[in-house]
Amino acid sequence: MKVVVTRLALGLLVGGGLGYGWHRLVGCSTGSCPLTATPLRGIGYGAFLGLIWALGR
């Protein structure tokens, strides 16, 4: 049980961190980019993708 929780937590943290990093590197000045318009969106999409990745392993 601890392994599953740890895997999910790591997926969320790593995905969120990568999403935030993507926002900082690429960004979006117009606001029309759904993945990088705001830092919270980048973190949210990244955490979601990290969660999907963690569940798939």
Protein backbone atom coordinates (compact mmCIF):
# COMPACT_ATOMS: atom_id res chain seq x y z
CA MET A 1 0.00 0.00 0.00
CA LYS A 2 2.84 2.41 0.83
CA VAL A 3 4.45 1.71 -2.53
CA VAL A 4 1.29 2.69 -4.40
CA VAL A 5 0.84 5.90 -2.42
CA THR A 6 4.50 6.79 -2.87
CA ARG A 7 4.31 6.14 -6.61
CA LEU A 8 1.21 8.32 -6.95
CA ALA A 9 2.71 11.10 -4.84
CA LEU A 10 5.91 11.06 -6.87
CA GLY A 11 3.94 11.10 -10.10
CA LEU A 12 1.99 14.14 -8.94
CA LEU A 13 5.07 15.97 -7.68
CA VAL A 14 7.28 15.26 -10.66
CA GLY A 15 4.49 15.97 -13.14
CA GLY A 16 3.56 19.20 -11.38
CA GLY A 17 7.18 20.29 -11.27
CA LEU A 18 7.65 19.56 -14.95
CA GLY A 19 4.44 21.42 -15.77
CA TYR A 20 5.63 24.45 -13.82
CA GLY A 21 9.03 24.25 -15.49
CA TRP A 22 7.37 24.08 -18.89
CA HIS A 23 5.39 27.22 -18.03
CA ARG A 24 8.56 29.03 -16.97
CA LEU A 25 10.53 27.99 -20.07
CA VAL A 26 7.87 28.31 -22.75
CA GLY A 27 5.18 30.46 -21.19
CA CYS A 28 2.38 32.16 -23.06
CA SER A 29 2.06 35.92 -23.38
CA THR A 30 -1.38 35.89 -25.05
CA GLY A 31 -3.21 33.58 -22.64
CA SER A 32 -4.46 31.43 -25.50
CA CYS A 33 -2.19 28.48 -24.67
CA PRO A 34 -4.19 26.11 -22.47
CA LEU A 35 -1.19 24.26 -21.07
CA THR A 36 1.05 27.19 -20.24
CA ALA A 37 -1.24 30.22 -19.80
CA THR A 38 -0.75 30.35 -16.00
CA PRO A 39 1.57 28.56 -13.58
CA LEU A 40 -1.39 26.81 -11.96
CA ARG A 41 -2.53 25.39 -15.27
CA GLY A 42 0.96 24.11 -15.99
CA ILE A 43 1.12 22.50 -12.56
CA GLY A 44 -2.38 21.06 -12.94
CA TYR A 45 -1.82 19.55 -16.38
CA GLY A 46 1.61 18.29 -15.37
CA ALA A 47 0.27 16.70 -12.19
CA PHE A 48 -2.56 15.08 -14.15
CA LEU A 49 -0.14 13.63 -16.69
CA GLY A 50 2.16 12.50 -13.87
CA LEU A 51 -0.77 10.78 -12.20
CA ILE A 52 -1.72 9.00 -15.42
CA TRP A 53 1.91 7.92 -15.85
CA ALA A 54 2.10 6.65 -12.27
CA LEU A 55 -1.16 4.69 -12.62
CA GLY A 56 0.03 3.12 -15.87
CA ARG A 57 3.17 1.66 -14.36
